[in-house]
Amino acid sequence: MIYVKVYRVQGEVLLAACDEELLGRTFREGELKLEVREKFYGGEKVEEEALDGLLREATIANLVGERCVERAVELGYVDERRILRIDGVPHAQMARLMW
């Protein structure tokens, strides 16, 4: 299961999603710090398959965790070469360019 939260602001659709076991945790590696805050990511708990439609609608996505990021890679929204790992935890961002 994953947590998802959708924000709609000024025509943008921001999707925040994380693997459920990461919610509320902080990861550090060198100077990098990744906080998986409940306030930002803690929305609705859903199955990974729910990301399909949510990513299709999103103009921006912030994804944390093996299941979340892997699903986005499988669907073609994230290039696996662009995944950042902080203390072993994958983090990816997506931005859809509109023409």
PDB file of N, CA and C in Angstrom:
ATOM      1  N   MET A   1       0.841  -1.186   0.000  1.00  0.00           N
ATOM      2  CA  MET A   1       0.000   0.000   0.000  1.00  0.00           C
ATOM      3  C   MET A   1       0.886   1.249   0.000  1.00  0.00           C
ATOM      4  N   ILE A   2       0.325   2.321  -0.500  1.00  0.00           N
ATOM      5  CA  ILE A   2       1.030   3.599  -0.534  1.00  0.00           C
ATOM      6  C   ILE A   2       0.085   4.701  -0.074  1.00  0.00           C
ATOM      7  N   TYR A   3       0.679   5.794   0.364  1.00  0.00           N
ATOM      8  CA  TYR A   3      -0.103   6.984   0.699  1.00  0.00           C
ATOM      9  C   TYR A   3      -0.010   7.946  -0.474  1.00  0.00           C
ATOM     10  N   VAL A   4      -1.131   8.547  -0.817  1.00  0.00           N
ATOM     11  CA  VAL A   4      -1.169   9.551  -1.881  1.00  0.00           C
ATOM     12  C   VAL A   4      -1.943  10.771  -1.407  1.00  0.00           C
ATOM     13  N   LYS A   5      -1.489  11.913  -1.845  1.00  0.00           N
ATOM     14  CA  LYS A   5      -2.187  13.166  -1.557  1.00  0.00           C
ATOM     15  C   LYS A   5      -2.081  14.028  -2.809  1.00  0.00           C
ATOM     16  N   VAL A   6      -3.200  14.577  -3.232  1.00  0.00           N
ATOM     17  CA  VAL A   6      -3.244  15.388  -4.445  1.00  0.00           C
ATOM     18  C   VAL A   6      -3.527  16.837  -4.066  1.00  0.00           C
ATOM     19  N   TYR A   7      -2.703  17.716  -4.608  1.00  0.00           N
ATOM     20  CA  TYR A   7      -2.868  19.159  -4.400  1.00  0.00           C
ATOM     21  C   TYR A   7      -3.197  19.785  -5.751  1.00  0.00           C
ATOM     22  N   ARG A   8      -4.188  20.655  -5.765  1.00  0.00           N
ATOM     23  CA  ARG A   8      -4.564  21.379  -6.989  1.00  0.00           C
ATOM     24  C   ARG A   8      -4.370  22.870  -6.725  1.00  0.00           C
ATOM     25  N   VAL A   9      -3.385  23.453  -7.435  1.00  0.00           N
ATOM     26  CA  VAL A   9      -3.045  24.858  -7.216  1.00  0.00           C
ATOM     27  C   VAL A   9      -2.751  25.526  -8.552  1.00  0.00           C
ATOM     28  N   GLN A  10      -3.473  26.567  -8.852  1.00  0.00           N
ATOM     29  CA  GLN A  10      -3.256  27.400 -10.036  1.00  0.00           C
ATOM     30  C   GLN A  10      -3.055  26.574 -11.309  1.00  0.00           C
ATOM     31  N   GLY A  11      -3.942  25.632 -11.543  1.00  0.00           N
ATOM     32  CA  GLY A  11      -3.891  24.830 -12.754  1.00  0.00           C
ATOM     33  C   GLY A  11      -2.932  23.657 -12.712  1.00  0.00           C
ATOM     34  N   GLU A  12      -2.160  23.539 -11.660  1.00  0.00           N
ATOM     35  CA  GLU A  12      -1.231  22.420 -11.513  1.00  0.00           C
ATOM     36  C   GLU A  12      -1.873  21.344 -10.646  1.00  0.00           C
ATOM     37  N   VAL A  13      -1.500  20.101 -10.905  1.00  0.00           N
ATOM     38  CA  VAL A  13      -1.948  18.974 -10.097  1.00  0.00           C
ATOM     39  C   VAL A  13      -0.685  18.298  -9.561  1.00  0.00           C
ATOM     40  N   LEU A  14      -0.440  18.499  -8.275  1.00  0.00           N
ATOM     41  CA  LEU A  14       0.746  17.928  -7.625  1.00  0.00           C
ATOM     42  C   LEU A  14       0.346  16.649  -6.906  1.00  0.00           C
ATOM     43  N   LEU A  15       1.048  15.574  -7.221  1.00  0.00           N
ATOM     44  CA  LEU A  15       0.830  14.297  -6.559  1.00  0.00           C
ATOM     45  C   LEU A  15       2.003  14.021  -5.620  1.00  0.00           C
ATOM     46  N   ALA A  16       1.712  13.805  -4.345  1.00  0.00           N
ATOM     47  CA  ALA A  16       2.714  13.383  -3.368  1.00  0.00           C
ATOM     48  C   ALA A  16       2.375  11.936  -3.018  1.00  0.00           C
ATOM     49  N   ALA A  17       3.343  11.032  -3.171  1.00  0.00           N
ATOM     50  CA  ALA A  17       3.081   9.621  -2.904  1.00  0.00           C
ATOM     51  C   ALA A  17       4.298   8.974  -2.258  1.00  0.00           C
ATOM     52  N   CYS A  18       4.028   8.093  -1.286  1.00  0.00           N
ATOM     53  CA  CYS A  18       5.119   7.372  -0.629  1.00  0.00           C
ATOM     54  C   CYS A  18       4.652   5.983  -0.210  1.00  0.00           C
ATOM     55  N   ASP A  19       5.605   5.063  -0.114  1.00  0.00           N
ATOM     56  CA  ASP A  19       5.318   3.735   0.421  1.00  0.00           C
ATOM     57  C   ASP A  19       4.877   3.909   1.875  1.00  0.00           C
ATOM     58  N   GLU A  20       3.871   3.158   2.289  1.00  0.00           N
ATOM     59  CA  GLU A  20       3.250   3.380   3.594  1.00  0.00           C
ATOM     60  C   GLU A  20       4.213   3.302   4.767  1.00  0.00           C
ATOM     61  N   GLU A  21       5.195   2.426   4.721  1.00  0.00           N
ATOM     62  CA  GLU A  21       6.107   2.267   5.863  1.00  0.00           C
ATOM     63  C   GLU A  21       7.097   3.421   6.010  1.00  0.00           C
ATOM     64  N   LEU A  22       7.158   4.307   5.020  1.00  0.00           N
ATOM     65  CA  LEU A  22       8.093   5.435   5.067  1.00  0.00           C
ATOM     66  C   LEU A  22       7.475   6.701   5.647  1.00  0.00           C
ATOM     67  N   LEU A  23       6.158   6.740   5.747  1.00  0.00           N
ATOM     68  CA  LEU A  23       5.471   7.943   6.222  1.00  0.00           C
ATOM     69  C   LEU A  23       5.947   8.305   7.632  1.00  0.00           C
ATOM     70  N   GLY A  24       6.343   9.557   7.799  1.00  0.00           N
ATOM     71  CA  GLY A  24       6.788  10.056   9.099  1.00  0.00           C
ATOM     72  C   GLY A  24       8.265   9.844   9.378  1.00  0.00           C
ATOM     73  N   ARG A  25       8.977   9.247   8.451  1.00  0.00           N
ATOM     74  CA  ARG A  25      10.402   8.972   8.680  1.00  0.00           C
ATOM     75  C   ARG A  25      11.282  10.015   7.997  1.00  0.00           C
ATOM     76  N   THR A  26      12.522  10.119   8.467  1.00  0.00           N
ATOM     77  CA  THR A  26      13.507  11.029   7.890  1.00  0.00           C
ATOM     78  C   THR A  26      14.738  10.218   7.519  1.00  0.00           C
ATOM     79  N   PHE A  27      15.285  10.494   6.345  1.00  0.00           N
ATOM     80  CA  PHE A  27      16.465   9.786   5.843  1.00  0.00           C
ATOM     81  C   PHE A  27      17.563  10.802   5.562  1.00  0.00           C
ATOM     82  N   ARG A  28      18.792  10.423   5.902  1.00  0.00           N
ATOM     83  CA  ARG A  28      19.945  11.311   5.699  1.00  0.00           C
ATOM     84  C   ARG A  28      21.086  10.541   5.070  1.00  0.00           C
ATOM     85  N   GLU A  29      21.792  11.247   4.197  1.00  0.00           N
ATOM     86  CA  GLU A  29      22.994  10.700   3.600  1.00  0.00           C
ATOM     87  C   GLU A  29      23.885  11.876   3.225  1.00  0.00           C
ATOM     88  N   GLY A  30      25.004  11.998   3.903  1.00  0.00           N
ATOM     89  CA  GLY A  30      25.861  13.153   3.683  1.00  0.00           C
ATOM     90  C   GLY A  30      25.101  14.425   4.004  1.00  0.00           C
ATOM     91  N   GLU A  31      25.091  15.339   3.047  1.00  0.00           N
ATOM     92  CA  GLU A  31      24.375  16.601   3.240  1.00  0.00           C
ATOM     93  C   GLU A  31      22.905  16.522   2.823  1.00  0.00           C
ATOM     94  N   LEU A  32      22.490  15.376   2.292  1.00  0.00           N
ATOM     95  CA  LEU A  32      21.111  15.221   1.831  1.00  0.00           C
ATOM     96  C   LEU A  32      20.202  14.773   2.963  1.00  0.00           C
ATOM     97  N   LYS A  33      18.990  15.295   2.949  1.00  0.00           N
ATOM     98  CA  LYS A  33      17.990  14.947   3.955  1.00  0.00           C
ATOM     99  C   LYS A  33      16.634  14.835   3.256  1.00  0.00           C
ATOM    100  N   LEU A  34      15.942  13.747   3.508  1.00  0.00           N
ATOM    101  CA  LEU A  34      14.625  13.517   2.938  1.00  0.00           C
ATOM    102  C   LEU A  34      13.650  13.268   4.080  1.00  0.00           C
ATOM    103  N   GLU A  35      12.691  14.187   4.245  1.00  0.00           N
ATOM    104  CA  GLU A  35      11.673  14.050   5.275  1.00  0.00           C
ATOM    105  C   GLU A  35      10.364  13.650   4.605  1.00  0.00           C
ATOM    106  N   VAL A  36       9.839  12.513   5.000  1.00  0.00           N
ATOM    107  CA  VAL A  36       8.576  12.028   4.445  1.00  0.00           C
ATOM    108  C   VAL A  36       7.488  12.426   5.440  1.00  0.00           C
ATOM    109  N   ARG A  37       7.136  13.678   5.405  1.00  0.00           N
ATOM    110  CA  ARG A  37       6.213  14.255   6.388  1.00  0.00           C
ATOM    111  C   ARG A  37       4.772  13.849   6.138  1.00  0.00           C
ATOM    112  N   GLU A  38       4.108  13.516   7.228  1.00  0.00           N
ATOM    113  CA  GLU A  38       2.700  13.132   7.151  1.00  0.00           C
ATOM    114  C   GLU A  38       1.856  14.279   6.603  1.00  0.00           C
ATOM    115  N   LYS A  39       2.205  15.496   6.953  1.00  0.00           N
ATOM    116  CA  LYS A  39       1.441  16.662   6.497  1.00  0.00           C
ATOM    117  C   LYS A  39       1.438  16.768   4.967  1.00  0.00           C
ATOM    118  N   PHE A  40       2.549  16.402   4.332  1.00  0.00           N
ATOM    119  CA  PHE A  40       2.667  16.515   2.879  1.00  0.00           C
ATOM    120  C   PHE A  40       2.204  15.238   2.163  1.00  0.00           C
ATOM    121  N   TYR A  41       2.648  14.078   2.620  1.00  0.00           N
ATOM    122  CA  TYR A  41       2.372  12.811   1.943  1.00  0.00           C
ATOM    123  C   TYR A  41       1.157  12.070   2.489  1.00  0.00           C
ATOM    124  N   GLY A  42       0.770  12.336   3.718  1.00  0.00           N
ATOM    125  CA  GLY A  42      -0.241  11.531   4.393  1.00  0.00           C
ATOM    126  C   GLY A  42      -1.659  11.826   3.979  1.00  0.00           C
ATOM    127  N   GLY A  43      -2.052  11.288   2.891  1.00  0.00           N
ATOM    128  CA  GLY A  43      -3.426  11.449   2.431  1.00  0.00           C
ATOM    129  C   GLY A  43      -4.164  10.135   2.543  1.00  0.00           C
ATOM    130  N   GLU A  44      -4.563   9.619   1.403  1.00  0.00           N
ATOM    131  CA  GLU A  44      -5.338   8.379   1.334  1.00  0.00           C
ATOM    132  C   GLU A  44      -4.403   7.192   1.107  1.00  0.00           C
ATOM    133  N   LYS A  45      -4.670   6.071   1.774  1.00  0.00           N
ATOM    134  CA  LYS A  45      -3.885   4.857   1.566  1.00  0.00           C
ATOM    135  C   LYS A  45      -4.547   4.052   0.448  1.00  0.00           C
ATOM    136  N   VAL A  46      -3.751   3.727  -0.595  1.00  0.00           N
ATOM    137  CA  VAL A  46      -4.286   3.032  -1.768  1.00  0.00           C
ATOM    138  C   VAL A  46      -3.322   1.932  -2.219  1.00  0.00           C
ATOM    139  N   GLU A  47      -3.789   1.086  -3.122  1.00  0.00           N
ATOM    140  CA  GLU A  47      -2.936   0.081  -3.757  1.00  0.00           C
ATOM    141  C   GLU A  47      -2.032   0.779  -4.776  1.00  0.00           C
ATOM    142  N   GLU A  48      -0.892   0.161  -5.078  1.00  0.00           N
ATOM    143  CA  GLU A  48       0.060   0.762  -6.020  1.00  0.00           C
ATOM    144  C   GLU A  48      -0.577   1.050  -7.385  1.00  0.00           C
ATOM    145  N   GLU A  49      -1.523   0.220  -7.804  1.00  0.00           N
ATOM    146  CA  GLU A  49      -2.158   0.385  -9.114  1.00  0.00           C
ATOM    147  C   GLU A  49      -2.891   1.722  -9.235  1.00  0.00           C
ATOM    148  N   ALA A  50      -3.255   2.319  -8.120  1.00  0.00           N
ATOM    149  CA  ALA A  50      -3.946   3.614  -8.148  1.00  0.00           C
ATOM    150  C   ALA A  50      -3.045   4.710  -8.708  1.00  0.00           C
ATOM    151  N   LEU A  51      -1.725   4.492  -8.669  1.00  0.00           N
ATOM    152  CA  LEU A  51      -0.799   5.493  -9.210  1.00  0.00           C
ATOM    153  C   LEU A  51      -0.994   5.702 -10.705  1.00  0.00           C
ATOM    154  N   ASP A  52      -1.455   4.679 -11.405  1.00  0.00           N
ATOM    155  CA  ASP A  52      -1.619   4.787 -12.857  1.00  0.00           C
ATOM    156  C   ASP A  52      -2.426   6.031 -13.230  1.00  0.00           C
ATOM    157  N   GLY A  53      -3.638   6.119 -12.728  1.00  0.00           N
ATOM    158  CA  GLY A  53      -4.509   7.247 -13.043  1.00  0.00           C
ATOM    159  C   GLY A  53      -4.046   8.543 -12.425  1.00  0.00           C
ATOM    160  N   LEU A  54      -3.497   8.466 -11.220  1.00  0.00           N
ATOM    161  CA  LEU A  54      -3.030   9.678 -10.532  1.00  0.00           C
ATOM    162  C   LEU A  54      -1.850  10.311 -11.263  1.00  0.00           C
ATOM    163  N   LEU A  55      -0.922   9.495 -11.732  1.00  0.00           N
ATOM    164  CA  LEU A  55       0.223  10.028 -12.486  1.00  0.00           C
ATOM    165  C   LEU A  55      -0.214  10.568 -13.846  1.00  0.00           C
ATOM    166  N   ARG A  56      -1.209   9.938 -14.449  1.00  0.00           N
ATOM    167  CA  ARG A  56      -1.718  10.409 -15.738  1.00  0.00           C
ATOM    168  C   ARG A  56      -2.273  11.823 -15.609  1.00  0.00           C
ATOM    169  N   GLU A  57      -2.897  12.112 -14.474  1.00  0.00           N
ATOM    170  CA  GLU A  57      -3.506  13.416 -14.237  1.00  0.00           C
ATOM    171  C   GLU A  57      -2.506  14.454 -13.720  1.00  0.00           C
ATOM    172  N   ALA A  58      -1.459  14.011 -13.034  1.00  0.00           N
ATOM    173  CA  ALA A  58      -0.524  14.925 -12.374  1.00  0.00           C
ATOM    174  C   ALA A  58       0.316  15.720 -13.364  1.00  0.00           C
ATOM    175  N   THR A  59       0.571  16.973 -13.010  1.00  0.00           N
ATOM    176  CA  THR A  59       1.531  17.779 -13.770  1.00  0.00           C
ATOM    177  C   THR A  59       2.878  17.784 -13.054  1.00  0.00           C
ATOM    178  N   ILE A  60       2.848  17.492 -11.758  1.00  0.00           N
ATOM    179  CA  ILE A  60       4.059  17.407 -10.929  1.00  0.00           C
ATOM    180  C   ILE A  60       3.849  16.234  -9.979  1.00  0.00           C
ATOM    181  N   ALA A  61       4.910  15.456  -9.736  1.00  0.00           N
ATOM    182  CA  ALA A  61       4.804  14.357  -8.776  1.00  0.00           C
ATOM    183  C   ALA A  61       6.069  14.293  -7.933  1.00  0.00           C
ATOM    184  N   ASN A  62       5.891  13.967  -6.685  1.00  0.00           N
ATOM    185  CA  ASN A  62       6.973  13.792  -5.725  1.00  0.00           C
ATOM    186  C   ASN A  62       6.771  12.392  -5.145  1.00  0.00           C
ATOM    187  N   LEU A  63       7.692  11.481  -5.437  1.00  0.00           N
ATOM    188  CA  LEU A  63       7.513  10.064  -5.129  1.00  0.00           C
ATOM    189  C   LEU A  63       8.648   9.542  -4.257  1.00  0.00           C
ATOM    190  N   VAL A  64       8.298   8.754  -3.228  1.00  0.00           N
ATOM    191  CA  VAL A  64       9.295   8.203  -2.320  1.00  0.00           C
ATOM    192  C   VAL A  64       8.990   6.735  -2.053  1.00  0.00           C
ATOM    193  N   GLY A  65      10.008   5.899  -2.182  1.00  0.00           N
ATOM    194  CA  GLY A  65       9.862   4.490  -1.833  1.00  0.00           C
ATOM    195  C   GLY A  65       9.997   3.569  -3.025  1.00  0.00           C
ATOM    196  N   GLU A  66      10.397   2.334  -2.748  1.00  0.00           N
ATOM    197  CA  GLU A  66      10.622   1.334  -3.800  1.00  0.00           C
ATOM    198  C   GLU A  66       9.376   1.103  -4.646  1.00  0.00           C
ATOM    199  N   ARG A  67       8.233   0.878  -4.025  1.00  0.00           N
ATOM    200  CA  ARG A  67       7.024   0.546  -4.782  1.00  0.00           C
ATOM    201  C   ARG A  67       6.525   1.734  -5.595  1.00  0.00           C
ATOM    202  N   CYS A  68       6.502   2.902  -4.984  1.00  0.00           N
ATOM    203  CA  CYS A  68       6.033   4.118  -5.671  1.00  0.00           C
ATOM    204  C   CYS A  68       6.893   4.442  -6.887  1.00  0.00           C
ATOM    205  N   VAL A  69       8.176   4.514  -6.656  1.00  0.00           N
ATOM    206  CA  VAL A  69       9.098   4.919  -7.719  1.00  0.00           C
ATOM    207  C   VAL A  69       9.140   3.853  -8.813  1.00  0.00           C
ATOM    208  N   GLU A  70       9.176   2.591  -8.434  1.00  0.00           N
ATOM    209  CA  GLU A  70       9.217   1.515  -9.428  1.00  0.00           C
ATOM    210  C   GLU A  70       7.977   1.534 -10.311  1.00  0.00           C
ATOM    211  N   ARG A  71       6.820   1.786  -9.729  1.00  0.00           N
ATOM    212  CA  ARG A  71       5.584   1.855 -10.506  1.00  0.00           C
ATOM    213  C   ARG A  71       5.656   2.998 -11.524  1.00  0.00           C
ATOM    214  N   ALA A  72       6.171   4.144 -11.100  1.00  0.00           N
ATOM    215  CA  ALA A  72       6.311   5.296 -12.004  1.00  0.00           C
ATOM    216  C   ALA A  72       7.295   4.991 -13.131  1.00  0.00           C
ATOM    217  N   VAL A  73       8.347   4.241 -12.843  1.00  0.00           N
ATOM    218  CA  VAL A  73       9.301   3.830 -13.877  1.00  0.00           C
ATOM    219  C   VAL A  73       8.607   2.888 -14.861  1.00  0.00           C
ATOM    220  N   GLU A  74       7.899   1.888 -14.344  1.00  0.00           N
ATOM    221  CA  GLU A  74       7.186   0.924 -15.199  1.00  0.00           C
ATOM    222  C   GLU A  74       6.207   1.620 -16.143  1.00  0.00           C
ATOM    223  N   LEU A  75       5.560   2.661 -15.659  1.00  0.00           N
ATOM    224  CA  LEU A  75       4.570   3.381 -16.450  1.00  0.00           C
ATOM    225  C   LEU A  75       5.190   4.414 -17.392  1.00  0.00           C
ATOM    226  N   GLY A  76       6.501   4.625 -17.288  1.00  0.00           N
ATOM    227  CA  GLY A  76       7.193   5.546 -18.189  1.00  0.00           C
ATOM    228  C   GLY A  76       7.211   7.000 -17.744  1.00  0.00           C
ATOM    229  N   TYR A  77       6.864   7.277 -16.498  1.00  0.00           N
ATOM    230  CA  TYR A  77       6.851   8.654 -16.008  1.00  0.00           C
ATOM    231  C   TYR A  77       8.188   9.081 -15.421  1.00  0.00           C
ATOM    232  N   VAL A  78       9.014   8.119 -15.014  1.00  0.00           N
ATOM    233  CA  VAL A  78      10.303   8.416 -14.388  1.00  0.00           C
ATOM    234  C   VAL A  78      11.384   7.590 -15.082  1.00  0.00           C
ATOM    235  N   ASP A  79      12.486   8.231 -15.399  1.00  0.00           N
ATOM    236  CA  ASP A  79      13.658   7.563 -15.965  1.00  0.00           C
ATOM    237  C   ASP A  79      14.470   7.008 -14.799  1.00  0.00           C
ATOM    238  N   GLU A  80      14.699   5.699 -14.809  1.00  0.00           N
ATOM    239  CA  GLU A  80      15.393   5.079 -13.671  1.00  0.00           C
ATOM    240  C   GLU A  80      16.789   5.637 -13.450  1.00  0.00           C
ATOM    241  N   ARG A  81      17.384   6.250 -14.474  1.00  0.00           N
ATOM    242  CA  ARG A  81      18.712   6.858 -14.315  1.00  0.00           C
ATOM    243  C   ARG A  81      18.648   8.169 -13.536  1.00  0.00           C
ATOM    244  N   ARG A  82      17.446   8.676 -13.306  1.00  0.00           N
ATOM    245  CA  ARG A  82      17.255   9.961 -12.623  1.00  0.00           C
ATOM    246  C   ARG A  82      16.742   9.804 -11.193  1.00  0.00           C
ATOM    247  N   ILE A  83      16.754   8.597 -10.687  1.00  0.00           N
ATOM    248  CA  ILE A  83      16.278   8.350  -9.328  1.00  0.00           C
ATOM    249  C   ILE A  83      17.385   8.676  -8.334  1.00  0.00           C
ATOM    250  N   LEU A  84      17.043   9.457  -7.343  1.00  0.00           N
ATOM    251  CA  LEU A  84      17.972   9.809  -6.275  1.00  0.00           C
ATOM    252  C   LEU A  84      17.735   8.851  -5.116  1.00  0.00           C
ATOM    253  N   ARG A  85      18.795   8.323  -4.557  1.00  0.00           N
ATOM    254  CA  ARG A  85      18.668   7.454  -3.379  1.00  0.00           C
ATOM    255  C   ARG A  85      19.319   8.146  -2.190  1.00  0.00           C
ATOM    256  N   ILE A  86      18.554   8.251  -1.129  1.00  0.00           N
ATOM    257  CA  ILE A  86      19.038   8.851   0.106  1.00  0.00           C
ATOM    258  C   ILE A  86      18.919   7.788   1.182  1.00  0.00           C
ATOM    259  N   ASP A  87      20.045   7.379   1.722  1.00  0.00           N
ATOM    260  CA  ASP A  87      20.096   6.295   2.712  1.00  0.00           C
ATOM    261  C   ASP A  87      19.399   5.050   2.167  1.00  0.00           C
ATOM    262  N   GLY A  88      19.553   4.819   0.861  1.00  0.00           N
ATOM    263  CA  GLY A  88      18.976   3.643   0.216  1.00  0.00           C
ATOM    264  C   GLY A  88      17.534   3.780  -0.220  1.00  0.00           C
ATOM    265  N   VAL A  89      16.883   4.877   0.125  1.00  0.00           N
ATOM    266  CA  VAL A  89      15.463   5.075  -0.206  1.00  0.00           C
ATOM    267  C   VAL A  89      15.349   5.855  -1.520  1.00  0.00           C
ATOM    268  N   PRO A  90      14.654   5.290  -2.521  1.00  0.00           N
ATOM    269  CA  PRO A  90      14.517   6.004  -3.792  1.00  0.00           C
ATOM    270  C   PRO A  90      13.542   7.184  -3.699  1.00  0.00           C
ATOM    271  N   HIS A  91      13.938   8.267  -4.372  1.00  0.00           N
ATOM    272  CA  HIS A  91      13.121   9.480  -4.430  1.00  0.00           C
ATOM    273  C   HIS A  91      13.166   9.977  -5.873  1.00  0.00           C
ATOM    274  N   ALA A  92      12.009  10.277  -6.426  1.00  0.00           N
ATOM    275  CA  ALA A  92      11.950  10.784  -7.792  1.00  0.00           C
ATOM    276  C   ALA A  92      10.916  11.890  -7.882  1.00  0.00           C
ATOM    277  N   GLN A  93      11.179  12.803  -8.792  1.00  0.00           N
ATOM    278  CA  GLN A  93      10.223  13.874  -9.072  1.00  0.00           C
ATOM    279  C   GLN A  93       9.913  13.854 -10.555  1.00  0.00           C
ATOM    280  N   MET A  94       8.700  14.243 -10.879  1.00  0.00           N
ATOM    281  CA  MET A  94       8.266  14.300 -12.253  1.00  0.00           C
ATOM    282  C   MET A  94       7.618  15.657 -12.492  1.00  0.00           C
ATOM    283  N   ALA A  95       7.887  16.221 -13.646  1.00  0.00           N
ATOM    284  CA  ALA A  95       7.204  17.451 -14.064  1.00  0.00           C
ATOM    285  C   ALA A  95       6.806  17.272 -15.528  1.00  0.00           C
ATOM    286  N   ARG A  96       5.545  17.480 -15.803  1.00  0.00           N
ATOM    287  CA  ARG A  96       5.051  17.347 -17.170  1.00  0.00           C
ATOM    288  C   ARG A  96       5.148  18.706 -17.845  1.00  0.00           C
ATOM    289  N   LEU A  97       5.806  18.741 -18.977  1.00  0.00           N
ATOM    290  CA  LEU A  97       5.944  19.978 -19.734  1.00  0.00           C
ATOM    291  C   LEU A  97       4.747  20.119 -20.654  1.00  0.00           C
ATOM    292  N   MET A  98       4.084  21.240 -20.567  1.00  0.00           N
ATOM    293  CA  MET A  98       2.902  21.490 -21.392  1.00  0.00           C
ATOM    294  C   MET A  98       3.274  22.465 -22.512  1.00  0.00           C
ATOM    295  N   TRP A  99       2.880  22.154 -23.717  1.00  0.00           N
ATOM    296  CA  TRP A  99       3.178  23.033 -24.849  1.00  0.00           C
ATOM    297  C   TRP A  99       1.970  23.791 -25.254  1.00  0.00           C
TER     298      TRP A  99
END
